[in-house]
Amino acid sequence: MFKRLVKFIKEVRNELKRVSWPSRDEIRGSTTVVIGIVLVLAVFIGLVDRALTFVISIVFG
């Protein structure tokens, strides 16, 4: 059992050495895009919610 665990950890370390990690600039750019998309979607969902609330209040109000 212990030998399998050690082998697994060695294989994980070898795999992680082969990973091409993104640069700091790539991470910053991706983060900016994600935050921008989240903000746009939040505004869109907020506007749709307001519109539907208005329509429902007219219909049932």
PDB file of N, CA and C in Angstrom:
ATOM      1  N   MET A   1       0.829  -1.192   0.000  1.00  0.00           N
ATOM      2  CA  MET A   1       0.000   0.000   0.000  1.00  0.00           C
ATOM      3  C   MET A   1       0.872   1.253   0.000  1.00  0.00           C
ATOM      4  N   PHE A   2       1.903   1.265   0.843  1.00  0.00           N
ATOM      5  CA  PHE A   2       2.774   2.427   0.939  1.00  0.00           C
ATOM      6  C   PHE A   2       3.559   2.629  -0.355  1.00  0.00           C
ATOM      7  N   LYS A   3       3.981   1.539  -0.982  1.00  0.00           N
ATOM      8  CA  LYS A   3       4.734   1.644  -2.245  1.00  0.00           C
ATOM      9  C   LYS A   3       3.869   2.247  -3.344  1.00  0.00           C
ATOM     10  N   ARG A   4       2.600   1.875  -3.376  1.00  0.00           N
ATOM     11  CA  ARG A   4       1.692   2.433  -4.386  1.00  0.00           C
ATOM     12  C   ARG A   4       1.495   3.922  -4.177  1.00  0.00           C
ATOM     13  N   LEU A   5       1.407   4.341  -2.928  1.00  0.00           N
ATOM     14  CA  LEU A   5       1.249   5.760  -2.618  1.00  0.00           C
ATOM     15  C   LEU A   5       2.490   6.547  -3.045  1.00  0.00           C
ATOM     16  N   VAL A   6       3.661   6.028  -2.744  1.00  0.00           N
ATOM     17  CA  VAL A   6       4.904   6.694  -3.134  1.00  0.00           C
ATOM     18  C   VAL A   6       5.004   6.775  -4.650  1.00  0.00           C
ATOM     19  N   LYS A   7       4.650   5.681  -5.338  1.00  0.00           N
ATOM     20  CA  LYS A   7       4.680   5.673  -6.803  1.00  0.00           C
ATOM     21  C   LYS A   7       3.711   6.710  -7.366  1.00  0.00           C
ATOM     22  N   PHE A   8       2.514   6.792  -6.786  1.00  0.00           N
ATOM     23  CA  PHE A   8       1.525   7.758  -7.235  1.00  0.00           C
ATOM     24  C   PHE A   8       2.054   9.184  -7.071  1.00  0.00           C
ATOM     25  N   ILE A   9       2.638   9.483  -5.923  1.00  0.00           N
ATOM     26  CA  ILE A   9       3.164  10.829  -5.671  1.00  0.00           C
ATOM     27  C   ILE A   9       4.285  11.163  -6.639  1.00  0.00           C
ATOM     28  N   LYS A  10       5.156  10.204  -6.937  1.00  0.00           N
ATOM     29  CA  LYS A  10       6.238  10.447  -7.908  1.00  0.00           C
ATOM     30  C   LYS A  10       5.667  10.717  -9.299  1.00  0.00           C
ATOM     31  N   GLU A  11       4.647   9.972  -9.685  1.00  0.00           N
ATOM     32  CA  GLU A  11       4.031  10.178 -10.995  1.00  0.00           C
ATOM     33  C   GLU A  11       3.344  11.540 -11.077  1.00  0.00           C
ATOM     34  N   VAL A  12       2.710  11.939  -9.996  1.00  0.00           N
ATOM     35  CA  VAL A  12       2.065  13.256  -9.965  1.00  0.00           C
ATOM     36  C   VAL A  12       3.117  14.348 -10.110  1.00  0.00           C
ATOM     37  N   ARG A  13       4.226  14.234  -9.414  1.00  0.00           N
ATOM     38  CA  ARG A  13       5.300  15.232  -9.521  1.00  0.00           C
ATOM     39  C   ARG A  13       5.835  15.308 -10.941  1.00  0.00           C
ATOM     40  N   ASN A  14       6.020  14.146 -11.576  1.00  0.00           N
ATOM     41  CA  ASN A  14       6.510  14.134 -12.955  1.00  0.00           C
ATOM     42  C   ASN A  14       5.509  14.787 -13.906  1.00  0.00           C
ATOM     43  N   GLU A  15       4.226  14.531 -13.699  1.00  0.00           N
ATOM     44  CA  GLU A  15       3.198  15.153 -14.552  1.00  0.00           C
ATOM     45  C   GLU A  15       3.197  16.660 -14.370  1.00  0.00           C
ATOM     46  N   LEU A  16       3.293  17.104 -13.128  1.00  0.00           N
ATOM     47  CA  LEU A  16       3.257  18.542 -12.858  1.00  0.00           C
ATOM     48  C   LEU A  16       4.464  19.262 -13.454  1.00  0.00           C
ATOM     49  N   LYS A  17       5.571  18.569 -13.621  1.00  0.00           N
ATOM     50  CA  LYS A  17       6.739  19.187 -14.263  1.00  0.00           C
ATOM     51  C   LYS A  17       6.491  19.418 -15.751  1.00  0.00           C
ATOM     52  N   ARG A  18       5.612  18.615 -16.351  1.00  0.00           N
ATOM     53  CA  ARG A  18       5.334  18.729 -17.781  1.00  0.00           C
ATOM     54  C   ARG A  18       4.234  19.744 -18.104  1.00  0.00           C
ATOM     55  N   VAL A  19       3.541  20.203 -17.093  1.00  0.00           N
ATOM     56  CA  VAL A  19       2.443  21.143 -17.314  1.00  0.00           C
ATOM     57  C   VAL A  19       3.020  22.479 -17.766  1.00  0.00           C
ATOM     58  N   SER A  20       2.399  23.074 -18.779  1.00  0.00           N
ATOM     59  CA  SER A  20       2.811  24.421 -19.186  1.00  0.00           C
ATOM     60  C   SER A  20       1.929  25.412 -18.434  1.00  0.00           C
ATOM     61  N   TRP A  21       2.497  26.006 -17.414  1.00  0.00           N
ATOM     62  CA  TRP A  21       1.759  26.928 -16.572  1.00  0.00           C
ATOM     63  C   TRP A  21       1.641  28.267 -17.274  1.00  0.00           C
ATOM     64  N   PRO A  22       0.499  28.946 -17.128  1.00  0.00           N
ATOM     65  CA  PRO A  22       0.318  30.249 -17.778  1.00  0.00           C
ATOM     66  C   PRO A  22       1.196  31.308 -17.108  1.00  0.00           C
ATOM     67  N   SER A  23       1.561  32.306 -17.890  1.00  0.00           N
ATOM     68  CA  SER A  23       2.371  33.394 -17.340  1.00  0.00           C
ATOM     69  C   SER A  23       1.476  34.326 -16.520  1.00  0.00           C
ATOM     70  N   ARG A  24       2.123  35.211 -15.808  1.00  0.00           N
ATOM     71  CA  ARG A  24       1.386  36.168 -14.979  1.00  0.00           C
ATOM     72  C   ARG A  24       0.481  37.055 -15.844  1.00  0.00           C
ATOM     73  N   ASP A  25       0.979  37.456 -17.004  1.00  0.00           N
ATOM     74  CA  ASP A  25       0.176  38.294 -17.905  1.00  0.00           C
ATOM     75  C   ASP A  25      -1.031  37.545 -18.442  1.00  0.00           C
ATOM     76  N   GLU A  26      -0.871  36.268 -18.774  1.00  0.00           N
ATOM     77  CA  GLU A  26      -1.993  35.464 -19.253  1.00  0.00           C
ATOM     78  C   GLU A  26      -3.058  35.314 -18.172  1.00  0.00           C
ATOM     79  N   ILE A  27      -2.616  35.096 -16.943  1.00  0.00           N
ATOM     80  CA  ILE A  27      -3.563  34.956 -15.833  1.00  0.00           C
ATOM     81  C   ILE A  27      -4.312  36.270 -15.615  1.00  0.00           C
ATOM     82  N   ARG A  28      -3.578  37.381 -15.666  1.00  0.00           N
ATOM     83  CA  ARG A  28      -4.196  38.695 -15.463  1.00  0.00           C
ATOM     84  C   ARG A  28      -5.234  38.959 -16.560  1.00  0.00           C
ATOM     85  N   GLY A  29      -4.881  38.646 -17.808  1.00  0.00           N
ATOM     86  CA  GLY A  29      -5.809  38.858 -18.914  1.00  0.00           C
ATOM     87  C   GLY A  29      -7.051  38.002 -18.790  1.00  0.00           C
ATOM     88  N   SER A  30      -6.868  36.740 -18.459  1.00  0.00           N
ATOM     89  CA  SER A  30      -8.012  35.839 -18.302  1.00  0.00           C
ATOM     90  C   SER A  30      -8.906  36.279 -17.156  1.00  0.00           C
ATOM     91  N   THR A  31      -8.302  36.702 -16.069  1.00  0.00           N
ATOM     92  CA  THR A  31      -9.077  37.157 -14.916  1.00  0.00           C
ATOM     93  C   THR A  31      -9.895  38.394 -15.273  1.00  0.00           C
ATOM     94  N   THR A  32      -9.294  39.306 -16.027  1.00  0.00           N
ATOM     95  CA  THR A  32     -10.003  40.514 -16.454  1.00  0.00           C
ATOM     96  C   THR A  32     -11.204  40.163 -17.319  1.00  0.00           C
ATOM     97  N   VAL A  33     -11.015  39.215 -18.234  1.00  0.00           N
ATOM     98  CA  VAL A  33     -12.119  38.796 -19.103  1.00  0.00           C
ATOM     99  C   VAL A  33     -13.239  38.171 -18.279  1.00  0.00           C
ATOM    100  N   VAL A  34     -12.902  37.313 -17.349  1.00  0.00           N
ATOM    101  CA  VAL A  34     -13.913  36.646 -16.528  1.00  0.00           C
ATOM    102  C   VAL A  34     -14.690  37.668 -15.696  1.00  0.00           C
ATOM    103  N   ILE A  35     -13.979  38.591 -15.058  1.00  0.00           N
ATOM    104  CA  ILE A  35     -14.658  39.599 -14.247  1.00  0.00           C
ATOM    105  C   ILE A  35     -15.566  40.461 -15.120  1.00  0.00           C
ATOM    106  N   GLY A  36     -15.096  40.824 -16.316  1.00  0.00           N
ATOM    107  CA  GLY A  36     -15.916  41.623 -17.227  1.00  0.00           C
ATOM    108  C   GLY A  36     -17.184  40.899 -17.639  1.00  0.00           C
ATOM    109  N   ILE A  37     -17.060  39.638 -17.994  1.00  0.00           N
ATOM    110  CA  ILE A  37     -18.234  38.858 -18.404  1.00  0.00           C
ATOM    111  C   ILE A  37     -19.215  38.708 -17.242  1.00  0.00           C
ATOM    112  N   VAL A  38     -18.698  38.466 -16.053  1.00  0.00           N
ATOM    113  CA  VAL A  38     -19.575  38.332 -14.881  1.00  0.00           C
ATOM    114  C   VAL A  38     -20.339  39.632 -14.636  1.00  0.00           C
ATOM    115  N   LEU A  39     -19.670  40.766 -14.760  1.00  0.00           N
ATOM    116  CA  LEU A  39     -20.345  42.050 -14.551  1.00  0.00           C
ATOM    117  C   LEU A  39     -21.421  42.294 -15.609  1.00  0.00           C
ATOM    118  N   VAL A  40     -21.111  41.992 -16.863  1.00  0.00           N
ATOM    119  CA  VAL A  40     -22.097  42.170 -17.938  1.00  0.00           C
ATOM    120  C   VAL A  40     -23.307  41.275 -17.700  1.00  0.00           C
ATOM    121  N   LEU A  41     -23.076  40.027 -17.352  1.00  0.00           N
ATOM    122  CA  LEU A  41     -24.188  39.110 -17.093  1.00  0.00           C
ATOM    123  C   LEU A  41     -25.004  39.542 -15.875  1.00  0.00           C
ATOM    124  N   ALA A  42     -24.339  40.061 -14.853  1.00  0.00           N
ATOM    125  CA  ALA A  42     -25.058  40.522 -13.662  1.00  0.00           C
ATOM    126  C   ALA A  42     -25.980  41.684 -14.019  1.00  0.00           C
ATOM    127  N   VAL A  43     -25.483  42.615 -14.822  1.00  0.00           N
ATOM    128  CA  VAL A  43     -26.313  43.742 -15.241  1.00  0.00           C
ATOM    129  C   VAL A  43     -27.487  43.248 -16.088  1.00  0.00           C
ATOM    130  N   PHE A  44     -27.217  42.341 -17.018  1.00  0.00           N
ATOM    131  CA  PHE A  44     -28.269  41.799 -17.873  1.00  0.00           C
ATOM    132  C   PHE A  44     -29.348  41.107 -17.051  1.00  0.00           C
ATOM    133  N   ILE A  45     -28.935  40.248 -16.132  1.00  0.00           N
ATOM    134  CA  ILE A  45     -29.910  39.524 -15.302  1.00  0.00           C
ATOM    135  C   ILE A  45     -30.690  40.499 -14.428  1.00  0.00           C
ATOM    136  N   GLY A  46     -30.014  41.533 -13.919  1.00  0.00           N
ATOM    137  CA  GLY A  46     -30.706  42.546 -13.125  1.00  0.00           C
ATOM    138  C   GLY A  46     -31.754  43.279 -13.932  1.00  0.00           C
ATOM    139  N   LEU A  47     -31.422  43.636 -15.175  1.00  0.00           N
ATOM    140  CA  LEU A  47     -32.385  44.335 -16.036  1.00  0.00           C
ATOM    141  C   LEU A  47     -33.574  43.445 -16.393  1.00  0.00           C
ATOM    142  N   VAL A  48     -33.300  42.178 -16.701  1.00  0.00           N
ATOM    143  CA  VAL A  48     -34.395  41.243 -17.012  1.00  0.00           C
ATOM    144  C   VAL A  48     -35.283  41.066 -15.789  1.00  0.00           C
ATOM    145  N   ASP A  49     -34.685  40.987 -14.616  1.00  0.00           N
ATOM    146  CA  ASP A  49     -35.463  40.841 -13.387  1.00  0.00           C
ATOM    147  C   ASP A  49     -36.357  42.055 -13.167  1.00  0.00           C
ATOM    148  N   ARG A  50     -35.816  43.247 -13.362  1.00  0.00           N
ATOM    149  CA  ARG A  50     -36.612  44.467 -13.211  1.00  0.00           C
ATOM    150  C   ARG A  50     -37.771  44.491 -14.210  1.00  0.00           C
ATOM    151  N   ALA A  51     -37.479  44.136 -15.454  1.00  0.00           N
ATOM    152  CA  ALA A  51     -38.512  44.149 -16.489  1.00  0.00           C
ATOM    153  C   ALA A  51     -39.622  43.152 -16.172  1.00  0.00           C
ATOM    154  N   LEU A  52     -39.238  41.947 -15.791  1.00  0.00           N
ATOM    155  CA  LEU A  52     -40.247  40.942 -15.463  1.00  0.00           C
ATOM    156  C   LEU A  52     -41.048  41.325 -14.230  1.00  0.00           C
ATOM    157  N   THR A  53     -40.409  41.921 -13.250  1.00  0.00           N
ATOM    158  CA  THR A  53     -41.123  42.388 -12.065  1.00  0.00           C
ATOM    159  C   THR A  53     -42.141  43.456 -12.445  1.00  0.00           C
ATOM    160  N   PHE A  54     -41.742  44.375 -13.327  1.00  0.00           N
ATOM    161  CA  PHE A  54     -42.644  45.429 -13.785  1.00  0.00           C
ATOM    162  C   PHE A  54     -43.844  44.828 -14.527  1.00  0.00           C
ATOM    163  N   VAL A  55     -43.581  43.899 -15.430  1.00  0.00           N
ATOM    164  CA  VAL A  55     -44.660  43.270 -16.212  1.00  0.00           C
ATOM    165  C   VAL A  55     -45.600  42.503 -15.300  1.00  0.00           C
ATOM    166  N   ILE A  56     -45.073  41.765 -14.371  1.00  0.00           N
ATOM    167  CA  ILE A  56     -45.913  40.979 -13.449  1.00  0.00           C
ATOM    168  C   ILE A  56     -46.737  41.899 -12.566  1.00  0.00           C
ATOM    169  N   SER A  57     -46.148  43.022 -12.130  1.00  0.00           N
ATOM    170  CA  SER A  57     -46.920  43.945 -11.290  1.00  0.00           C
ATOM    171  C   SER A  57     -48.058  44.592 -12.079  1.00  0.00           C
ATOM    172  N   ILE A  58     -47.874  44.800 -13.372  1.00  0.00           N
ATOM    173  CA  ILE A  58     -48.950  45.353 -14.207  1.00  0.00           C
ATOM    174  C   ILE A  58     -50.044  44.308 -14.399  1.00  0.00           C
ATOM    175  N   VAL A  59     -49.646  43.065 -14.694  1.00  0.00           N
ATOM    176  CA  VAL A  59     -50.610  42.013 -14.967  1.00  0.00           C
ATOM    177  C   VAL A  59     -51.418  41.666 -13.707  1.00  0.00           C
ATOM    178  N   PHE A  60     -50.745  41.517 -12.577  1.00  0.00           N
ATOM    179  CA  PHE A  60     -51.427  41.078 -11.366  1.00  0.00           C
ATOM    180  C   PHE A  60     -51.694  42.213 -10.383  1.00  0.00           C
ATOM    181  N   GLY A  61     -51.210  43.405 -10.700  1.00  0.00           N
ATOM    182  CA  GLY A  61     -51.279  44.511  -9.764  1.00  0.00           C
ATOM    183  C   GLY A  61     -52.555  45.184  -9.714  1.00  0.00           C
TER     184      GLY A  61
END
